[in-house]
Amino acid sequence: MKYVLKTDKSSTTIIIRLMVGIVFLSEGVQKFMFAEQLGVGRFAKIGLPGPEFLGPFVGSCEMICGALVLLGLLTRFAAIPLLCIMLVAMATTKANILVGEGFWAMMHASRTDWAMLLGSLFLLIRGGGRWSIDRKINSRWKS
């Protein structure tokens, strides 16, 4: 558990946390608000199995993990499901663009996906940073 809370002293990590947390929290909420376009309906359209389960499940993971990232609480742990979500999203929605329209069209269409994937990877590696609940908890364990 101590490694999960471990983080560096960087004060700029909050910028990555804000970016990743706000986007995932917002996307999760929208999967419920606009289920036919962004949740269950979208998952069915792209052919994912069990869209009635998967839509709300992914939306809930995005909201919970996005909120944890924003708070800097269990940041490394929260980054893992977000990485998985982005890898599946890119594989299921961008591979057909790569095949049909080419590399540059796929890169253009996936620019936000790459930002969220790499932002989540950064948080997995570095933790929540100076202004995180992880850091406050971890510093109490040290004393």
Protein backbone atom coordinates (compact mmCIF):
# COMPACT_ATOMS: atom_id res chain seq x y z
CA MET A 1 0.00 0.00 0.00
CA LYS A 2 2.87 2.34 0.74
CA TYR A 3 4.11 2.14 -2.87
CA VAL A 4 0.63 3.03 -4.17
CA LEU A 5 0.75 6.28 -2.19
CA LYS A 6 4.40 7.04 -2.96
CA THR A 7 4.87 10.22 -4.96
CA ASP A 8 7.46 12.82 -5.80
CA LYS A 9 7.63 16.43 -4.59
CA SER A 10 6.81 17.95 -7.98
CA SER A 11 4.37 20.83 -7.83
CA THR A 12 3.67 20.68 -11.57
CA THR A 13 2.17 17.18 -11.47
CA ILE A 14 -1.12 18.84 -10.59
CA ILE A 15 -1.37 20.06 -14.19
CA ILE A 16 -1.36 16.47 -15.47
CA ARG A 17 -3.76 15.43 -12.71
CA LEU A 18 -6.18 18.22 -13.64
CA MET A 19 -6.04 17.33 -17.35
CA VAL A 20 -6.51 13.58 -16.84
CA GLY A 21 -8.98 13.84 -13.96
CA ILE A 22 -11.28 16.43 -15.53
CA VAL A 23 -11.44 14.67 -18.90
CA PHE A 24 -12.15 11.22 -17.43
CA LEU A 25 -14.65 12.50 -14.87
CA SER A 26 -16.48 14.43 -17.59
CA GLU A 27 -16.45 11.51 -20.04
CA GLY A 28 -17.76 9.16 -17.36
CA VAL A 29 -20.66 11.47 -16.52
CA GLN A 30 -21.48 11.85 -20.21
CA LYS A 31 -21.67 8.06 -20.67
CA PHE A 32 -24.73 8.19 -18.39
CA MET A 33 -26.19 11.52 -19.55
CA PHE A 34 -25.92 10.65 -23.25
CA ALA A 35 -25.97 6.85 -23.07
CA GLU A 36 -27.16 6.32 -26.64
CA GLN A 37 -24.37 8.43 -28.19
CA LEU A 38 -21.49 7.91 -25.72
CA GLY A 39 -22.33 4.96 -23.48
CA VAL A 40 -24.31 1.79 -24.16
CA GLY A 41 -25.29 2.87 -27.69
CA ARG A 42 -21.74 3.71 -28.70
CA PHE A 43 -20.36 0.49 -27.25
CA ALA A 44 -23.01 -1.51 -29.18
CA LYS A 45 -22.23 0.41 -32.39
CA ILE A 46 -18.51 -0.40 -32.25
CA GLY A 47 -19.26 -4.05 -31.47
CA LEU A 48 -18.07 -4.40 -27.89
CA PRO A 49 -19.58 -7.37 -26.05
CA GLY A 50 -22.20 -6.73 -23.35
CA PRO A 51 -22.69 -3.01 -24.00
CA GLU A 52 -25.52 -2.83 -21.41
CA PHE A 53 -23.00 -3.80 -18.73
CA LEU A 54 -19.87 -2.31 -20.26
CA GLY A 55 -21.23 1.22 -20.83
CA PRO A 56 -22.18 1.89 -17.20
CA PHE A 57 -19.13 -0.03 -15.92
CA VAL A 58 -16.67 2.04 -17.97
CA GLY A 59 -18.56 5.26 -17.16
CA SER A 60 -18.39 4.46 -13.44
CA CYS A 61 -14.67 3.63 -13.64
CA GLU A 62 -14.01 6.90 -15.47
CA MET A 63 -15.93 8.92 -12.88
CA ILE A 64 -14.43 7.21 -9.83
CA CYS A 65 -10.85 7.09 -11.11
CA GLY A 66 -11.11 10.61 -12.58
CA ALA A 67 -12.22 11.92 -9.17
CA LEU A 68 -9.42 10.03 -7.40
CA VAL A 69 -6.87 11.51 -9.82
CA LEU A 70 -8.24 15.01 -9.25
CA LEU A 71 -7.92 14.57 -5.49
CA GLY A 72 -4.54 12.91 -5.77
CA LEU A 73 -5.86 9.98 -3.74
CA LEU A 74 -4.60 6.51 -4.73
CA THR A 75 -3.35 8.19 -7.89
CA ARG A 76 -1.17 5.32 -9.10
CA PHE A 77 -3.94 2.80 -8.46
CA ALA A 78 -6.53 4.99 -10.24
CA ALA A 79 -4.26 5.37 -13.28
CA ILE A 80 -4.31 1.62 -14.03
CA PRO A 81 -7.99 1.32 -15.08
CA LEU A 82 -7.66 4.59 -17.00
CA LEU A 83 -4.73 3.16 -18.97
CA CYS A 84 -6.76 0.04 -19.75
CA ILE A 85 -9.75 2.13 -20.86
CA MET A 86 -7.55 4.15 -23.21
CA LEU A 87 -5.84 1.09 -24.70
CA VAL A 88 -9.20 -0.54 -25.43
CA ALA A 89 -10.65 2.73 -26.75
CA MET A 90 -7.74 3.20 -29.13
CA ALA A 91 -7.82 -0.41 -30.31
CA THR A 92 -11.57 -0.43 -30.93
CA THR A 93 -12.04 3.03 -32.42
CA LYS A 94 -8.76 3.97 -34.08
CA ALA A 95 -7.59 0.73 -35.70
CA ASN A 96 -10.26 0.98 -38.39
CA ILE A 97 -9.17 4.56 -39.14
CA LEU A 98 -5.58 3.36 -39.48
CA VAL A 99 -6.61 0.64 -41.92
CA GLY A 100 -9.14 2.71 -43.86
CA GLU A 101 -7.64 6.18 -43.91
CA GLY A 102 -3.97 5.75 -43.00
CA PHE A 103 -1.50 6.64 -40.29
CA TRP A 104 -1.90 10.44 -40.25
CA ALA A 105 -5.70 10.32 -40.15
CA MET A 106 -5.46 7.89 -37.22
CA MET A 107 -2.95 10.11 -35.43
CA HIS A 108 -5.20 13.13 -35.88
CA ALA A 109 -8.28 11.26 -34.64
CA SER A 110 -6.42 9.88 -31.61
CA ARG A 111 -4.71 13.02 -30.31
CA THR A 112 -6.88 13.22 -27.17
CA ASP A 113 -6.53 9.47 -26.67
CA TRP A 114 -2.74 9.78 -26.71
CA ALA A 115 -2.85 12.67 -24.23
CA MET A 116 -5.03 10.68 -21.82
CA LEU A 117 -2.97 7.49 -22.27
CA LEU A 118 0.37 9.21 -21.70
CA GLY A 119 -1.01 11.40 -18.90
CA SER A 120 -2.28 8.29 -17.11
CA LEU A 121 1.06 6.55 -17.65
CA PHE A 122 2.86 9.58 -16.19
CA LEU A 123 0.66 9.43 -13.08
CA LEU A 124 1.24 5.70 -12.71
CA ILE A 125 4.99 6.29 -12.77
CA ARG A 126 5.23 9.51 -10.73
CA GLY A 127 2.20 9.49 -8.44
CA GLY A 128 0.07 12.44 -7.38
CA GLY A 129 2.79 15.02 -6.74
CA ARG A 130 3.24 17.68 -4.06
CA TRP A 131 -0.39 18.76 -3.82
CA SER A 132 -2.01 15.36 -3.43
CA ILE A 133 -3.71 13.48 -0.63
CA ASP A 134 -1.29 10.62 -1.36
CA ARG A 135 1.63 12.83 -0.35
CA LYS A 136 -0.06 13.95 2.87
CA ILE A 137 -0.86 10.36 3.88
CA ASN A 138 2.59 9.10 2.88
CA SER A 139 4.37 11.83 4.85
CA ARG A 140 2.39 10.87 7.98
CA TRP A 141 3.48 7.23 7.60
CA LYS A 142 7.13 8.28 7.44
CA SER A 143 7.00 10.09 10.78
